[in-house]
């Protein structure tokens, strides 16, 4: 017994020629799976990010992740599409969140001499590990992170 979302995905995958029908089916799939995206966002706390960043992650989830999930979905496994899509959403949102959080410590460094973290009891300073190229990258990351996390 398949649910409506899984049936719509199967119909989308079987339709090869009619682009208008495929577009309408894709809209229906997106509309039916909208709640999954918001549940995953709430679970991972993405709603605390800046609106611009939320829009970027949600656009990825609505386009890139959705289309890749539809292509990879296999009905012969007797699984629901919503379960498969939820796992893919969680993976994508978690990786995006980790991407931003890994760079957050760069913002906390007021200067390159400040100790950023300790590694096995050894203090690490940004000035010790950054080359000239990375210093320029650091400043661009700081500007971007300030806009993402609404920092002054």
C-alpha atoms as a PDB file:
ATOM      1  CA  UNK A   1       0.000   0.000   0.000  1.00  0.00           C
ATOM      2  CA  UNK A   2       1.612   3.233  -1.172  1.00  0.00           C
ATOM      3  CA  UNK A   3       0.830   6.659   0.171  1.00  0.00           C
ATOM      4  CA  UNK A   4      -0.133   9.574  -2.096  1.00  0.00           C
ATOM      5  CA  UNK A   5       3.339  11.106  -2.121  1.00  0.00           C
ATOM      6  CA  UNK A   6       5.000   7.849  -3.164  1.00  0.00           C
ATOM      7  CA  UNK A   7       2.402   7.307  -5.884  1.00  0.00           C
ATOM      8  CA  UNK A   8       2.967  10.824  -7.232  1.00  0.00           C
ATOM      9  CA  UNK A   9       6.734  10.262  -7.294  1.00  0.00           C
ATOM     10  CA  UNK A  10       6.242   6.994  -9.173  1.00  0.00           C
ATOM     11  CA  UNK A  11       3.970   8.699 -11.690  1.00  0.00           C
ATOM     12  CA  UNK A  12       6.590  11.442 -12.137  1.00  0.00           C
ATOM     13  CA  UNK A  13       9.339   8.887 -12.757  1.00  0.00           C
ATOM     14  CA  UNK A  14       7.214   6.954 -15.271  1.00  0.00           C
ATOM     15  CA  UNK A  15       6.256  10.073 -17.248  1.00  0.00           C
ATOM     16  CA  UNK A  16       9.070  10.785 -19.677  1.00  0.00           C
ATOM     17  CA  UNK A  17       7.590  12.736 -22.594  1.00  0.00           C
ATOM     18  CA  UNK A  18       5.011  15.204 -21.296  1.00  0.00           C
ATOM     19  CA  UNK A  19       6.918  18.130 -19.736  1.00  0.00           C
ATOM     20  CA  UNK A  20       3.774  19.950 -18.618  1.00  0.00           C
ATOM     21  CA  UNK A  21       2.546  16.883 -16.743  1.00  0.00           C
ATOM     22  CA  UNK A  22       5.988  16.377 -15.180  1.00  0.00           C
ATOM     23  CA  UNK A  23       6.045  20.010 -14.022  1.00  0.00           C
ATOM     24  CA  UNK A  24       2.604  19.689 -12.440  1.00  0.00           C
ATOM     25  CA  UNK A  25       3.583  16.428 -10.751  1.00  0.00           C
ATOM     26  CA  UNK A  26       6.762  18.025  -9.407  1.00  0.00           C
ATOM     27  CA  UNK A  27       4.720  20.916  -7.987  1.00  0.00           C
ATOM     28  CA  UNK A  28       2.410  18.405  -6.306  1.00  0.00           C
ATOM     29  CA  UNK A  29       5.365  16.507  -4.853  1.00  0.00           C
ATOM     30  CA  UNK A  30       6.816  19.728  -3.503  1.00  0.00           C
ATOM     31  CA  UNK A  31       3.489  20.783  -2.022  1.00  0.00           C
ATOM     32  CA  UNK A  32       3.014  17.399  -0.332  1.00  0.00           C
ATOM     33  CA  UNK A  33       6.541  17.325   1.085  1.00  0.00           C
ATOM     34  CA  UNK A  34       6.622  20.925   2.350  1.00  0.00           C
ATOM     35  CA  UNK A  35       5.832  19.857   5.919  1.00  0.00           C
ATOM     36  CA  UNK A  36       8.829  17.514   5.991  1.00  0.00           C
ATOM     37  CA  UNK A  37      11.177  20.400   5.225  1.00  0.00           C
ATOM     38  CA  UNK A  38       9.838  22.525   8.087  1.00  0.00           C
ATOM     39  CA  UNK A  39       9.992  19.629  10.551  1.00  0.00           C
ATOM     40  CA  UNK A  40      13.648  19.014   9.706  1.00  0.00           C
ATOM     41  CA  UNK A  41      14.359  22.774   9.942  1.00  0.00           C
ATOM     42  CA  UNK A  42      12.828  22.935  13.407  1.00  0.00           C
ATOM     43  CA  UNK A  43      14.637  19.788  14.525  1.00  0.00           C
ATOM     44  CA  UNK A  44      18.054  21.173  13.561  1.00  0.00           C
ATOM     45  CA  UNK A  45      17.362  24.752  14.680  1.00  0.00           C
ATOM     46  CA  UNK A  46      17.775  26.318  11.255  1.00  0.00           C
ATOM     47  CA  UNK A  47      15.024  28.769  12.163  1.00  0.00           C
ATOM     48  CA  UNK A  48      17.609  30.558  14.360  1.00  0.00           C
ATOM     49  CA  UNK A  49      19.767  31.389  11.335  1.00  0.00           C
ATOM     50  CA  UNK A  50      19.465  34.632   9.422  1.00  0.00           C
ATOM     51  CA  UNK A  51      16.538  34.710   6.943  1.00  0.00           C
ATOM     52  CA  UNK A  52      18.916  34.837   3.991  1.00  0.00           C
ATOM     53  CA  UNK A  53      20.601  31.648   5.140  1.00  0.00           C
ATOM     54  CA  UNK A  54      17.277  29.933   5.797  1.00  0.00           C
ATOM     55  CA  UNK A  55      16.197  30.783   2.262  1.00  0.00           C
ATOM     56  CA  UNK A  56      19.387  29.317   0.821  1.00  0.00           C
ATOM     57  CA  UNK A  57      19.027  26.042   2.702  1.00  0.00           C
ATOM     58  CA  UNK A  58      15.309  25.727   1.944  1.00  0.00           C
ATOM     59  CA  UNK A  59      15.895  26.430  -1.754  1.00  0.00           C
ATOM     60  CA  UNK A  60      18.447  23.613  -1.803  1.00  0.00           C
ATOM     61  CA  UNK A  61      15.965  21.302  -0.087  1.00  0.00           C
ATOM     62  CA  UNK A  62      13.185  22.188  -2.535  1.00  0.00           C
ATOM     63  CA  UNK A  63      15.287  21.765  -5.667  1.00  0.00           C
ATOM     64  CA  UNK A  64      18.599  19.959  -5.454  1.00  0.00           C
ATOM     65  CA  UNK A  65      17.805  17.524  -2.650  1.00  0.00           C
ATOM     66  CA  UNK A  66      14.298  16.825  -3.938  1.00  0.00           C
ATOM     67  CA  UNK A  67      15.387  16.044  -7.492  1.00  0.00           C
ATOM     68  CA  UNK A  68      18.307  13.883  -6.361  1.00  0.00           C
ATOM     69  CA  UNK A  69      16.027  12.012  -3.996  1.00  0.00           C
ATOM     70  CA  UNK A  70      13.447  11.388  -6.714  1.00  0.00           C
ATOM     71  CA  UNK A  71      16.155  10.037  -9.019  1.00  0.00           C
ATOM     72  CA  UNK A  72      17.597   7.770  -6.315  1.00  0.00           C
ATOM     73  CA  UNK A  73      14.239   6.522  -5.021  1.00  0.00           C
ATOM     74  CA  UNK A  74      13.643   2.840  -5.705  1.00  0.00           C
ATOM     75  CA  UNK A  75      10.081   1.544  -5.357  1.00  0.00           C
ATOM     76  CA  UNK A  76      11.153  -2.081  -5.381  1.00  0.00           C
ATOM     77  CA  UNK A  77      12.380  -1.640  -1.812  1.00  0.00           C
ATOM     78  CA  UNK A  78       8.768  -1.109  -0.669  1.00  0.00           C
ATOM     79  CA  UNK A  79       9.685   2.063   1.236  1.00  0.00           C
ATOM     80  CA  UNK A  80       7.821   5.333   1.500  1.00  0.00           C
ATOM     81  CA  UNK A  81       9.226   8.299  -0.374  1.00  0.00           C
ATOM     82  CA  UNK A  82       8.641  10.561   2.629  1.00  0.00           C
ATOM     83  CA  UNK A  83      10.985   8.446   4.776  1.00  0.00           C
ATOM     84  CA  UNK A  84      13.696   8.457   2.109  1.00  0.00           C
ATOM     85  CA  UNK A  85      13.320  12.197   1.535  1.00  0.00           C
ATOM     86  CA  UNK A  86      13.420  12.926   5.275  1.00  0.00           C
ATOM     87  CA  UNK A  87      16.737  11.115   5.616  1.00  0.00           C
ATOM     88  CA  UNK A  88      18.152  13.044   2.677  1.00  0.00           C
ATOM     89  CA  UNK A  89      16.847  16.339   4.116  1.00  0.00           C
ATOM     90  CA  UNK A  90      18.372  15.621   7.520  1.00  0.00           C
ATOM     91  CA  UNK A  91      21.718  14.837   5.946  1.00  0.00           C
ATOM     92  CA  UNK A  92      21.727  18.008   3.844  1.00  0.00           C
ATOM     93  CA  UNK A  93      20.556  20.353   6.610  1.00  0.00           C
ATOM     94  CA  UNK A  94      22.974  18.830   9.111  1.00  0.00           C
ATOM     95  CA  UNK A  95      25.917  19.268   6.738  1.00  0.00           C
ATOM     96  CA  UNK A  96      24.944  22.890   5.949  1.00  0.00           C
ATOM     97  CA  UNK A  97      24.581  23.676   9.646  1.00  0.00           C
ATOM     98  CA  UNK A  98      27.969  22.119  10.423  1.00  0.00           C
ATOM     99  CA  UNK A  99      29.494  24.077   7.540  1.00  0.00           C
ATOM    100  CA  UNK A 100      28.381  27.357   9.102  1.00  0.00           C
ATOM    101  CA  UNK A 101      29.186  26.364  12.658  1.00  0.00           C
ATOM    102  CA  UNK A 102      32.749  25.283  11.769  1.00  0.00           C
ATOM    103  CA  UNK A 103      33.403  28.780  10.503  1.00  0.00           C
ATOM    104  CA  UNK A 104      31.827  30.536  13.463  1.00  0.00           C
ATOM    105  CA  UNK A 105      35.040  30.319  15.529  1.00  0.00           C
ATOM    106  CA  UNK A 106      36.762  32.451  12.885  1.00  0.00           C
ATOM    107  CA  UNK A 107      34.401  35.279  13.722  1.00  0.00           C
ATOM    108  CA  UNK A 108      35.192  35.069  17.405  1.00  0.00           C
ATOM    109  CA  UNK A 109      38.870  35.775  16.745  1.00  0.00           C
ATOM    110  CA  UNK A 110      39.353  39.529  17.078  1.00  0.00           C
ATOM    111  CA  UNK A 111      42.947  39.220  15.937  1.00  0.00           C
ATOM    112  CA  UNK A 112      45.103  36.535  14.410  1.00  0.00           C
ATOM    113  CA  UNK A 113      47.064  36.192  17.668  1.00  0.00           C
ATOM    114  CA  UNK A 114      44.074  35.186  19.764  1.00  0.00           C
ATOM    115  CA  UNK A 115      43.912  31.536  20.806  1.00  0.00           C
ATOM    116  CA  UNK A 116      41.047  29.995  18.901  1.00  0.00           C
ATOM    117  CA  UNK A 117      40.994  26.468  20.278  1.00  0.00           C
ATOM    118  CA  UNK A 118      43.152  23.931  21.984  1.00  0.00           C
ATOM    119  CA  UNK A 119      44.242  20.811  20.181  1.00  0.00           C
ATOM    120  CA  UNK A 120      45.449  18.039  22.520  1.00  0.00           C
ATOM    121  CA  UNK A 121      46.510  20.594  25.107  1.00  0.00           C
ATOM    122  CA  UNK A 122      48.297  22.738  22.531  1.00  0.00           C
ATOM    123  CA  UNK A 123      46.973  26.249  21.937  1.00  0.00           C
ATOM    124  CA  UNK A 124      46.360  27.086  18.290  1.00  0.00           C
ATOM    125  CA  UNK A 125      46.303  30.668  16.996  1.00  0.00           C
ATOM    126  CA  UNK A 126      44.915  31.664  13.631  1.00  0.00           C
ATOM    127  CA  UNK A 127      48.130  33.536  12.857  1.00  0.00           C
ATOM    128  CA  UNK A 128      50.064  30.280  13.181  1.00  0.00           C
ATOM    129  CA  UNK A 129      47.973  28.359  10.681  1.00  0.00           C
ATOM    130  CA  UNK A 130      46.969  30.983   8.104  1.00  0.00           C
ATOM    131  CA  UNK A 131      48.907  31.923   4.998  1.00  0.00           C
ATOM    132  CA  UNK A 132      48.469  35.280   3.206  1.00  0.00           C
ATOM    133  CA  UNK A 133      45.806  33.740   0.989  1.00  0.00           C
ATOM    134  CA  UNK A 134      43.971  32.375   4.003  1.00  0.00           C
ATOM    135  CA  UNK A 135      44.053  35.762   5.749  1.00  0.00           C
ATOM    136  CA  UNK A 136      42.128  37.238   2.816  1.00  0.00           C
ATOM    137  CA  UNK A 137      39.785  34.261   2.945  1.00  0.00           C
ATOM    138  CA  UNK A 138      39.353  34.812   6.693  1.00  0.00           C
ATOM    139  CA  UNK A 139      38.192  38.396   6.156  1.00  0.00           C
ATOM    140  CA  UNK A 140      35.708  37.379   3.471  1.00  0.00           C
ATOM    141  CA  UNK A 141      34.395  34.586   5.706  1.00  0.00           C
ATOM    142  CA  UNK A 142      34.072  37.024   8.618  1.00  0.00           C
ATOM    143  CA  UNK A 143      31.996  39.416   6.495  1.00  0.00           C
ATOM    144  CA  UNK A 144      29.790  36.594   5.274  1.00  0.00           C
ATOM    145  CA  UNK A 145      29.329  35.060   8.726  1.00  0.00           C
ATOM    146  CA  UNK A 146      28.426  38.442  10.222  1.00  0.00           C
ATOM    147  CA  UNK A 147      25.598  38.727   7.714  1.00  0.00           C
ATOM    148  CA  UNK A 148      24.507  35.115   8.270  1.00  0.00           C
ATOM    149  CA  UNK A 149      24.387  35.265  12.066  1.00  0.00           C
ATOM    150  CA  UNK A 150      23.275  38.918  12.240  1.00  0.00           C
ATOM    151  CA  UNK A 151      26.424  39.962  14.107  1.00  0.00           C
ATOM    152  CA  UNK A 152      27.644  43.549  14.284  1.00  0.00           C
END
